[in-house]
N, C-alpha and C. Protein backbone atom coordinates (compact mmCIF):
# COMPACT_ATOMS: atom_id res chain seq x y z
N MET A 1 0.83 -1.16 0.00
CA MET A 1 0.00 0.00 0.00
C MET A 1 0.89 1.24 0.00
N ASN A 2 0.67 2.12 -0.93
CA ASN A 2 1.44 3.33 -1.03
C ASN A 2 0.60 4.49 -0.55
N VAL A 3 1.05 5.19 0.47
CA VAL A 3 0.30 6.31 1.02
C VAL A 3 0.99 7.59 0.56
N HIS A 4 0.25 8.46 -0.12
CA HIS A 4 0.79 9.73 -0.55
C HIS A 4 0.16 10.83 0.28
N VAL A 5 0.99 11.54 1.01
CA VAL A 5 0.53 12.61 1.86
C VAL A 5 1.29 13.86 1.45
N LYS A 6 0.58 14.96 1.23
CA LYS A 6 1.24 16.22 0.91
C LYS A 6 2.00 16.66 2.15
N PRO A 7 3.30 16.91 2.02
CA PRO A 7 4.06 17.31 3.19
C PRO A 7 3.64 18.69 3.69
N PRO A 8 3.68 18.88 5.01
CA PRO A 8 3.35 20.19 5.55
C PRO A 8 4.44 21.20 5.20
N SER A 9 4.11 22.46 5.28
CA SER A 9 5.10 23.51 5.04
C SER A 9 6.15 23.49 6.15
N PRO A 10 7.39 23.85 5.81
CA PRO A 10 8.44 23.89 6.85
C PRO A 10 8.08 24.85 7.97
N VAL A 11 8.56 24.53 9.15
CA VAL A 11 8.35 25.35 10.34
C VAL A 11 9.72 25.64 10.94
N THR A 12 9.92 26.85 11.41
CA THR A 12 11.16 27.21 12.08
C THR A 12 10.90 27.29 13.58
N VAL A 13 11.68 26.56 14.34
CA VAL A 13 11.58 26.58 15.80
C VAL A 13 12.77 27.38 16.31
N THR A 14 12.50 28.47 17.01
CA THR A 14 13.57 29.33 17.50
C THR A 14 13.66 29.40 19.02
N ASP A 15 12.63 28.94 19.71
CA ASP A 15 12.64 28.99 21.18
C ASP A 15 13.81 28.13 21.68
N PRO A 16 14.75 28.72 22.42
CA PRO A 16 15.92 27.96 22.87
C PRO A 16 15.57 26.70 23.65
N ALA A 17 14.52 26.73 24.45
CA ALA A 17 14.14 25.54 25.23
C ALA A 17 13.66 24.42 24.31
N GLU A 18 12.86 24.79 23.30
CA GLU A 18 12.37 23.78 22.35
C GLU A 18 13.51 23.22 21.52
N VAL A 19 14.42 24.08 21.07
CA VAL A 19 15.57 23.62 20.28
C VAL A 19 16.42 22.66 21.12
N SER A 20 16.64 23.01 22.38
CA SER A 20 17.42 22.13 23.27
C SER A 20 16.75 20.78 23.45
N LYS A 21 15.42 20.78 23.59
CA LYS A 21 14.69 19.52 23.75
C LYS A 21 14.78 18.68 22.48
N LEU A 22 14.68 19.32 21.32
CA LEU A 22 14.79 18.58 20.06
C LEU A 22 16.18 17.99 19.90
N ALA A 23 17.21 18.77 20.22
CA ALA A 23 18.58 18.27 20.14
C ALA A 23 18.79 17.12 21.11
N ALA A 24 18.25 17.25 22.33
CA ALA A 24 18.38 16.19 23.33
C ALA A 24 17.67 14.92 22.87
N LEU A 25 16.53 15.08 22.20
CA LEU A 25 15.79 13.92 21.69
C LEU A 25 16.66 13.13 20.71
N ILE A 26 17.27 13.83 19.78
CA ILE A 26 18.11 13.16 18.78
C ILE A 26 19.39 12.62 19.43
N ASN A 27 20.03 13.43 20.26
CA ASN A 27 21.28 13.00 20.92
C ASN A 27 21.06 11.84 21.87
N GLY A 28 19.85 11.68 22.37
CA GLY A 28 19.56 10.60 23.31
C GLY A 28 19.19 9.27 22.67
N LEU A 29 19.12 9.25 21.34
CA LEU A 29 18.76 8.00 20.66
C LEU A 29 19.92 7.01 20.69
N PRO A 30 19.61 5.74 20.84
CA PRO A 30 20.68 4.74 20.79
C PRO A 30 21.13 4.54 19.34
N ALA A 31 22.27 3.90 19.17
CA ALA A 31 22.73 3.54 17.83
C ALA A 31 21.74 2.54 17.24
N PHE A 32 21.48 2.67 15.93
CA PHE A 32 20.62 1.70 15.27
C PHE A 32 21.34 0.35 15.32
N PRO A 33 20.65 -0.71 15.74
CA PRO A 33 21.32 -2.00 15.91
C PRO A 33 21.88 -2.55 14.60
N ALA A 34 23.04 -3.14 14.70
CA ALA A 34 23.66 -3.78 13.54
C ALA A 34 22.87 -5.04 13.18
N GLY A 35 23.03 -5.48 11.96
CA GLY A 35 22.38 -6.72 11.54
C GLY A 35 21.51 -6.50 10.33
N ALA A 36 20.98 -7.60 9.85
CA ALA A 36 20.11 -7.57 8.67
C ALA A 36 18.66 -7.49 9.14
N TYR A 37 17.87 -6.69 8.42
CA TYR A 37 16.46 -6.52 8.77
C TYR A 37 15.61 -6.72 7.53
N SER A 38 14.45 -7.27 7.74
CA SER A 38 13.45 -7.36 6.69
C SER A 38 12.45 -6.25 6.97
N CYS A 39 12.61 -5.13 6.28
CA CYS A 39 11.81 -3.94 6.55
C CYS A 39 10.66 -3.84 5.56
N PRO A 40 9.57 -3.21 5.99
CA PRO A 40 8.48 -2.92 5.06
C PRO A 40 8.99 -1.97 3.97
N PRO A 41 8.23 -1.81 2.89
CA PRO A 41 8.66 -0.89 1.83
C PRO A 41 8.87 0.53 2.38
N ASP A 42 9.85 1.21 1.81
CA ASP A 42 10.18 2.57 2.23
C ASP A 42 9.98 3.51 1.06
N GLY A 43 8.96 4.36 1.15
CA GLY A 43 8.69 5.32 0.10
C GLY A 43 9.42 6.64 0.30
N GLY A 44 10.22 6.75 1.34
CA GLY A 44 11.02 7.94 1.56
C GLY A 44 10.38 9.00 2.44
N ALA A 45 9.21 8.73 3.01
CA ALA A 45 8.58 9.72 3.89
C ALA A 45 9.43 9.92 5.13
N ALA A 46 9.66 11.18 5.48
CA ALA A 46 10.53 11.46 6.62
C ALA A 46 10.20 12.83 7.21
N LEU A 47 10.54 12.99 8.47
CA LEU A 47 10.51 14.28 9.13
C LEU A 47 11.97 14.72 9.21
N VAL A 48 12.28 15.89 8.67
CA VAL A 48 13.66 16.37 8.63
C VAL A 48 13.80 17.53 9.60
N LEU A 49 14.73 17.37 10.54
CA LEU A 49 15.03 18.42 11.51
C LEU A 49 16.39 19.00 11.15
N THR A 50 16.42 20.27 10.79
CA THR A 50 17.67 20.94 10.43
C THR A 50 18.02 21.92 11.53
N PHE A 51 19.19 21.74 12.11
CA PHE A 51 19.67 22.62 13.17
C PHE A 51 20.69 23.58 12.56
N SER A 52 20.42 24.87 12.69
CA SER A 52 21.33 25.86 12.10
C SER A 52 21.81 26.82 13.17
N GLY A 53 22.80 27.62 12.78
CA GLY A 53 23.38 28.59 13.70
C GLY A 53 22.63 29.90 13.75
N GLY A 54 21.38 29.92 13.38
CA GLY A 54 20.58 31.13 13.40
C GLY A 54 19.90 31.35 12.07
N LYS A 55 19.05 32.34 12.01
CA LYS A 55 18.29 32.63 10.79
C LYS A 55 19.26 32.84 9.62
N GLY A 56 19.10 32.03 8.60
CA GLY A 56 19.98 32.12 7.43
C GLY A 56 21.36 31.54 7.65
N GLY A 57 21.58 31.00 8.86
CA GLY A 57 22.89 30.43 9.17
C GLY A 57 23.09 29.07 8.52
N ARG A 58 24.32 28.63 8.50
CA ARG A 58 24.61 27.34 7.89
C ARG A 58 24.07 26.19 8.75
N SER A 59 23.82 25.10 8.10
CA SER A 59 23.31 23.92 8.79
C SER A 59 24.41 23.31 9.65
N LEU A 60 24.12 23.11 10.92
CA LEU A 60 25.07 22.46 11.83
C LEU A 60 24.84 20.96 11.88
N ALA A 61 23.56 20.56 11.80
CA ALA A 61 23.20 19.14 11.84
C ALA A 61 21.84 18.97 11.18
N VAL A 62 21.68 17.80 10.56
CA VAL A 62 20.39 17.45 9.95
C VAL A 62 20.04 16.04 10.40
N ALA A 63 18.90 15.90 11.05
CA ALA A 63 18.39 14.59 11.47
C ALA A 63 17.20 14.25 10.57
N THR A 64 17.28 13.11 9.90
CA THR A 64 16.20 12.66 9.03
C THR A 64 15.53 11.46 9.69
N VAL A 65 14.31 11.68 10.15
CA VAL A 65 13.56 10.64 10.87
C VAL A 65 12.68 9.92 9.85
N SER A 66 13.03 8.69 9.53
CA SER A 66 12.27 7.91 8.55
C SER A 66 10.94 7.46 9.14
N LEU A 67 9.89 7.63 8.34
CA LEU A 67 8.54 7.27 8.78
C LEU A 67 8.05 5.99 8.12
N GLU A 68 8.88 5.39 7.30
CA GLU A 68 8.53 4.15 6.60
C GLU A 68 9.73 3.22 6.65
N GLY A 69 9.58 2.05 6.12
CA GLY A 69 10.68 1.08 6.13
C GLY A 69 11.03 0.69 7.55
N CYS A 70 12.33 0.70 7.87
CA CYS A 70 12.77 0.35 9.22
C CYS A 70 12.68 1.51 10.19
N GLU A 71 12.35 2.71 9.70
CA GLU A 71 12.10 3.89 10.53
C GLU A 71 13.28 4.30 11.40
N GLY A 72 14.48 4.21 10.88
CA GLY A 72 15.65 4.69 11.61
C GLY A 72 15.79 6.19 11.49
N VAL A 73 16.81 6.73 12.13
CA VAL A 73 17.11 8.16 12.07
C VAL A 73 18.52 8.33 11.52
N GLY A 74 18.61 9.09 10.43
CA GLY A 74 19.92 9.42 9.87
C GLY A 74 20.36 10.76 10.42
N LEU A 75 21.65 10.91 10.64
CA LEU A 75 22.17 12.16 11.20
C LEU A 75 23.41 12.59 10.42
N VAL A 76 23.42 13.84 10.00
CA VAL A 76 24.58 14.43 9.34
C VAL A 76 25.01 15.61 10.21
N THR A 77 26.28 15.60 10.63
CA THR A 77 26.83 16.71 11.39
C THR A 77 28.13 17.15 10.71
N GLY A 78 28.31 18.45 10.60
CA GLY A 78 29.51 18.96 9.96
C GLY A 78 29.67 18.45 8.54
N GLY A 79 28.55 18.16 7.88
CA GLY A 79 28.59 17.65 6.51
C GLY A 79 28.93 16.18 6.39
N LYS A 80 29.07 15.48 7.50
CA LYS A 80 29.44 14.06 7.47
C LYS A 80 28.31 13.19 8.00
N GLN A 81 28.00 12.13 7.26
CA GLN A 81 26.99 11.17 7.69
C GLN A 81 27.49 10.43 8.92
N GLN A 82 26.65 10.38 9.94
CA GLN A 82 26.97 9.66 11.18
C GLN A 82 26.29 8.30 11.16
N PRO A 83 26.70 7.38 12.03
CA PRO A 83 26.01 6.09 12.10
C PRO A 83 24.52 6.28 12.40
N GLY A 84 23.70 5.36 11.92
CA GLY A 84 22.26 5.42 12.12
C GLY A 84 21.87 5.40 13.59
N LEU A 85 20.72 5.97 13.88
CA LEU A 85 20.23 6.07 15.25
C LEU A 85 18.83 5.48 15.37
N GLY A 86 18.41 5.23 16.60
CA GLY A 86 17.05 4.82 16.89
C GLY A 86 16.84 3.33 16.84
N ALA A 87 15.66 2.94 17.24
CA ALA A 87 15.27 1.54 17.23
C ALA A 87 14.54 1.22 15.93
N PRO A 88 14.68 -0.01 15.43
CA PRO A 88 13.87 -0.38 14.26
C PRO A 88 12.40 -0.13 14.57
N ASP A 89 11.70 0.41 13.63
CA ASP A 89 10.28 0.75 13.77
C ASP A 89 10.04 1.86 14.80
N GLY A 90 11.05 2.68 15.08
CA GLY A 90 10.90 3.73 16.07
C GLY A 90 10.76 5.13 15.50
N GLY A 91 10.83 5.28 14.18
CA GLY A 91 10.80 6.61 13.57
C GLY A 91 9.54 7.40 13.85
N ARG A 92 8.39 6.73 13.77
CA ARG A 92 7.14 7.46 14.02
C ARG A 92 7.06 7.96 15.46
N GLN A 93 7.58 7.18 16.38
CA GLN A 93 7.58 7.59 17.79
C GLN A 93 8.49 8.80 17.98
N VAL A 94 9.67 8.79 17.36
CA VAL A 94 10.59 9.93 17.45
C VAL A 94 9.95 11.16 16.82
N ALA A 95 9.32 10.99 15.65
CA ALA A 95 8.65 12.11 14.98
C ALA A 95 7.53 12.68 15.86
N ALA A 96 6.76 11.80 16.49
CA ALA A 96 5.67 12.26 17.36
C ALA A 96 6.22 13.06 18.53
N GLN A 97 7.32 12.62 19.11
CA GLN A 97 7.93 13.34 20.22
C GLN A 97 8.45 14.70 19.76
N ALA A 98 9.08 14.74 18.59
CA ALA A 98 9.61 16.01 18.06
C ALA A 98 8.47 16.98 17.78
N MET A 99 7.39 16.49 17.20
CA MET A 99 6.25 17.37 16.91
C MET A 99 5.60 17.89 18.19
N LYS A 100 5.56 17.06 19.23
CA LYS A 100 4.99 17.50 20.51
C LYS A 100 5.84 18.62 21.09
N VAL A 101 7.16 18.47 21.05
CA VAL A 101 8.05 19.51 21.55
C VAL A 101 7.82 20.82 20.80
N ALA A 102 7.66 20.72 19.49
CA ALA A 102 7.50 21.91 18.65
C ALA A 102 6.06 22.43 18.61
N GLY A 103 5.14 21.72 19.27
CA GLY A 103 3.75 22.15 19.29
C GLY A 103 3.03 21.97 17.96
N LEU A 104 3.43 20.95 17.21
CA LEU A 104 2.84 20.68 15.89
C LEU A 104 1.89 19.49 15.97
N SER A 105 0.86 19.51 15.17
CA SER A 105 -0.10 18.39 15.15
C SER A 105 -0.28 17.87 13.74
N TRP A 106 0.80 17.70 13.02
CA TRP A 106 0.74 17.18 11.66
C TRP A 106 0.32 15.72 11.64
N ASP A 107 -0.43 15.33 10.64
CA ASP A 107 -0.75 13.93 10.39
C ASP A 107 0.18 13.50 9.27
N LEU A 108 1.35 12.97 9.65
CA LEU A 108 2.38 12.68 8.65
C LEU A 108 2.07 11.47 7.78
N LEU A 109 1.53 10.43 8.38
CA LEU A 109 1.20 9.22 7.63
C LEU A 109 0.00 8.54 8.26
N ASP A 110 -0.80 7.97 7.43
CA ASP A 110 -1.92 7.14 7.90
C ASP A 110 -1.30 5.84 8.40
N PRO A 111 -1.45 5.52 9.68
CA PRO A 111 -0.81 4.32 10.22
C PRO A 111 -1.42 3.01 9.75
N ALA A 112 -2.35 3.05 8.78
CA ALA A 112 -2.97 1.84 8.27
C ALA A 112 -1.91 0.96 7.72
């Protein structure tokens, strides 16, 4: 089943407390476990969190929270891909936590 959802418009979070909580959420994730997985199809749906040094500033880190497939979290810091994060099938939970911190109520994917 292929679910097509129009992505919401980007949102900028500037409140230092919210930014700190979002960073802590990503930094607190465990390493994605090594091994082979049989994952559901991945259509590329993701929540992307870009951390920058201020309005118009360069990107310091980008966390891509996968909402399909194995639902891991990819992290790029300083332009370098870091090892995967999160638990298999944990992407939607991480996205839900991030949206709660940011006060967003997006319906990213139909969980059917």
